[in-house]
């Protein structure tokens, strides 16, 4: 009887761990796609350096593990080298200081920010700061022009909050 209970407890623990991994993967991919789309909107819109920095920090904490390991490896070193070399010749076109963060950040910092609970809270904080910066930039809630750029930005930032909140409230605890 005790053996059956122990096997049942292990099965439930394995199911919870699988669900947690699935939630983390959805958060990583969904948050990354939303943050990249917001970066594109930022580059085509007002080009706010603060919003770009906040989005890169969000990406640093939520980037999918597989891609993050590739960027932290030999491939990332070469990309960072080429980006710095391109920045020497074309400083206005290639601004690489934010990308180099992925490659040269210490392991203890990157692992700490990518920890499940700490990373989710950090990403939620970055999303709130991003929303506040955007609202300040457009002049409050009533200052938004009703065009494609503004509506798509609001929609994608709400998806960013959705993925982060879903991960924290369903997968994190």
Protein backbone atom coordinates (compact mmCIF):
# COMPACT_ATOMS: atom_id res chain seq x y z
CA UNK A 1 0.00 0.00 0.00
CA UNK A 2 2.80 2.42 0.89
CA UNK A 3 4.53 1.60 -2.37
CA UNK A 4 1.40 2.52 -4.35
CA UNK A 5 1.14 5.85 -2.53
CA UNK A 6 4.82 6.58 -3.19
CA UNK A 7 4.42 5.77 -6.90
CA UNK A 8 1.31 7.99 -7.03
CA UNK A 9 3.14 10.89 -5.38
CA UNK A 10 6.05 10.54 -7.82
CA UNK A 11 3.60 10.53 -10.74
CA UNK A 12 1.91 13.72 -9.54
CA UNK A 13 5.30 15.40 -9.00
CA UNK A 14 6.40 14.42 -12.52
CA UNK A 15 3.16 15.79 -13.97
CA UNK A 16 3.56 19.10 -12.12
CA UNK A 17 7.18 19.39 -13.34
CA UNK A 18 6.11 18.69 -16.93
CA UNK A 19 3.34 21.30 -16.72
CA UNK A 20 5.80 23.81 -15.24
CA UNK A 21 8.25 23.21 -18.10
CA UNK A 22 5.44 23.62 -20.62
CA UNK A 23 4.36 26.91 -19.03
CA UNK A 24 7.96 28.15 -19.02
CA UNK A 25 8.37 27.26 -22.69
CA UNK A 26 5.14 29.07 -23.62
CA UNK A 27 6.30 32.10 -21.64
CA UNK A 28 9.72 32.08 -23.27
CA UNK A 29 8.52 31.75 -26.86
CA UNK A 30 5.44 33.95 -26.53
CA UNK A 31 7.28 36.67 -24.61
CA UNK A 32 10.18 36.59 -27.04
CA UNK A 33 7.95 36.92 -30.10
CA UNK A 34 6.02 39.79 -28.50
CA UNK A 35 9.21 41.57 -27.39
CA UNK A 36 10.77 41.22 -30.85
CA UNK A 37 7.61 42.60 -32.44
CA UNK A 38 7.69 45.53 -29.99
CA UNK A 39 11.34 46.14 -30.93
CA UNK A 40 10.36 46.29 -34.58
CA UNK A 41 7.51 48.70 -33.77
CA UNK A 42 9.90 50.81 -31.73
CA UNK A 43 12.40 50.99 -34.60
CA UNK A 44 9.69 51.97 -37.09
CA UNK A 45 8.03 54.46 -34.74
CA UNK A 46 9.54 56.99 -32.38
CA UNK A 47 12.80 55.08 -31.71
CA UNK A 48 12.85 55.36 -27.95
CA UNK A 49 16.18 54.25 -26.47
CA UNK A 50 14.57 53.58 -23.07
CA UNK A 51 11.98 51.25 -24.57
CA UNK A 52 14.64 49.43 -26.57
CA UNK A 53 16.74 48.90 -23.44
CA UNK A 54 13.74 47.64 -21.45
CA UNK A 55 12.80 45.23 -24.24
CA UNK A 56 16.36 43.89 -24.47
CA UNK A 57 16.39 43.30 -20.71
CA UNK A 58 13.04 41.52 -21.05
CA UNK A 59 14.49 39.37 -23.83
CA UNK A 60 17.56 38.61 -21.72
CA UNK A 61 15.39 37.11 -18.99
CA UNK A 62 12.81 35.41 -21.21
CA UNK A 63 14.75 34.26 -24.27
CA UNK A 64 14.16 30.56 -25.06
CA UNK A 65 16.76 28.37 -23.41
CA UNK A 66 17.88 26.69 -26.64
CA UNK A 67 18.56 29.99 -28.40
CA UNK A 68 20.08 31.52 -25.28
CA UNK A 69 22.64 28.72 -25.05
CA UNK A 70 23.52 29.21 -28.72
CA UNK A 71 24.03 32.95 -28.21
CA UNK A 72 26.15 32.33 -25.11
CA UNK A 73 28.36 29.89 -27.01
CA UNK A 74 30.93 30.17 -29.77
CA UNK A 75 28.34 31.32 -32.32
CA UNK A 76 27.41 34.25 -30.10
CA UNK A 77 31.05 35.25 -29.72
CA UNK A 78 31.44 35.47 -33.49
CA UNK A 79 28.21 37.40 -33.94
CA UNK A 80 29.27 39.84 -31.19
CA UNK A 81 32.70 40.24 -32.80
CA UNK A 82 31.18 40.97 -36.22
CA UNK A 83 28.63 43.34 -34.69
CA UNK A 84 31.36 45.31 -32.88
CA UNK A 85 33.42 45.43 -36.09
CA UNK A 86 30.39 46.69 -38.04
CA UNK A 87 29.78 49.27 -35.31
CA UNK A 88 33.29 50.64 -35.83
CA UNK A 89 32.54 51.41 -39.47
CA UNK A 90 28.81 52.20 -39.28
CA UNK A 91 28.06 53.46 -35.75
CA UNK A 92 24.64 54.88 -36.62
CA UNK A 93 23.39 51.70 -38.27
CA UNK A 94 24.82 49.02 -35.96
CA UNK A 95 24.30 49.84 -32.30
CA UNK A 96 25.52 46.66 -30.65
CA UNK A 97 25.91 47.50 -26.99
CA UNK A 98 22.62 45.81 -26.13
CA UNK A 99 23.35 42.59 -28.02
CA UNK A 100 26.73 42.17 -26.39
CA UNK A 101 24.87 41.91 -23.06
CA UNK A 102 23.71 38.43 -24.09
CA UNK A 103 27.26 37.26 -24.71
CA UNK A 104 29.37 38.83 -21.97
CA UNK A 105 27.03 38.83 -18.98
CA UNK A 106 28.44 36.72 -16.12
CA UNK A 107 26.94 33.28 -15.67
CA UNK A 108 25.73 33.98 -12.14
CA UNK A 109 23.79 37.02 -13.39
CA UNK A 110 22.28 35.33 -16.42
CA UNK A 111 21.31 32.22 -14.46
CA UNK A 112 19.88 34.34 -11.65
CA UNK A 113 17.72 36.42 -13.98
CA UNK A 114 16.58 33.35 -15.88
CA UNK A 115 15.58 31.52 -12.68
CA UNK A 116 11.87 30.63 -12.95
CA UNK A 117 10.42 32.87 -10.26
CA UNK A 118 13.00 35.67 -10.32
CA UNK A 119 12.92 35.81 -14.14
CA UNK A 120 9.13 36.05 -14.20
CA UNK A 121 9.07 38.86 -11.64
CA UNK A 122 11.88 40.66 -13.49
CA UNK A 123 9.99 40.36 -16.78
CA UNK A 124 6.80 41.64 -15.16
CA UNK A 125 8.73 44.63 -13.80
CA UNK A 126 10.21 45.31 -17.26
CA UNK A 127 6.74 45.11 -18.84
CA UNK A 128 5.32 47.59 -16.30
CA UNK A 129 8.23 49.98 -16.88
CA UNK A 130 7.76 49.59 -20.63
CA UNK A 131 4.07 50.44 -20.36
CA UNK A 132 4.80 53.46 -18.15
CA UNK A 133 7.46 54.71 -20.58
CA UNK A 134 5.08 54.31 -23.51
CA UNK A 135 2.26 56.11 -21.72
CA UNK A 136 4.58 58.95 -20.76
CA UNK A 137 5.80 59.20 -24.34
CA UNK A 138 2.35 59.46 -25.91
CA UNK A 139 0.96 61.81 -23.27
CA UNK A 140 -1.24 59.48 -21.23
CA UNK A 141 -4.14 57.24 -22.11
CA UNK A 142 -5.94 59.86 -24.14
CA UNK A 143 -2.88 60.89 -26.16
CA UNK A 144 -2.82 57.77 -28.31
CA UNK A 145 -3.57 58.38 -31.96
CA UNK A 146 -5.87 55.75 -33.37
CA UNK A 147 -3.55 54.40 -36.01
CA UNK A 148 -2.13 50.98 -36.74
CA UNK A 149 1.13 51.61 -34.93
CA UNK A 150 -0.46 52.66 -31.63
CA UNK A 151 -3.15 49.97 -31.63
CA UNK A 152 -0.71 47.19 -32.51
CA UNK A 153 1.71 48.41 -29.83
CA UNK A 154 -1.05 48.32 -27.20
CA UNK A 155 -2.20 44.87 -28.36
CA UNK A 156 1.30 43.38 -28.28
CA UNK A 157 2.16 44.88 -24.90
CA UNK A 158 -1.04 43.37 -23.51
CA UNK A 159 0.11 39.98 -24.89
CA UNK A 160 3.44 40.57 -23.19
CA UNK A 161 1.60 41.04 -19.90
CA UNK A 162 -0.52 37.98 -20.64
CA UNK A 163 2.43 35.63 -21.18
CA UNK A 164 4.30 36.96 -18.16
CA UNK A 165 1.26 36.88 -15.90
CA UNK A 166 0.21 33.45 -17.10
CA UNK A 167 3.65 32.09 -16.36
CA UNK A 168 3.84 33.68 -12.93
CA UNK A 169 0.38 32.78 -11.75
CA UNK A 170 -0.05 29.35 -13.34
CA UNK A 171 3.43 27.99 -13.94
CA UNK A 172 5.56 29.76 -11.37
CA UNK A 173 3.66 28.66 -8.28
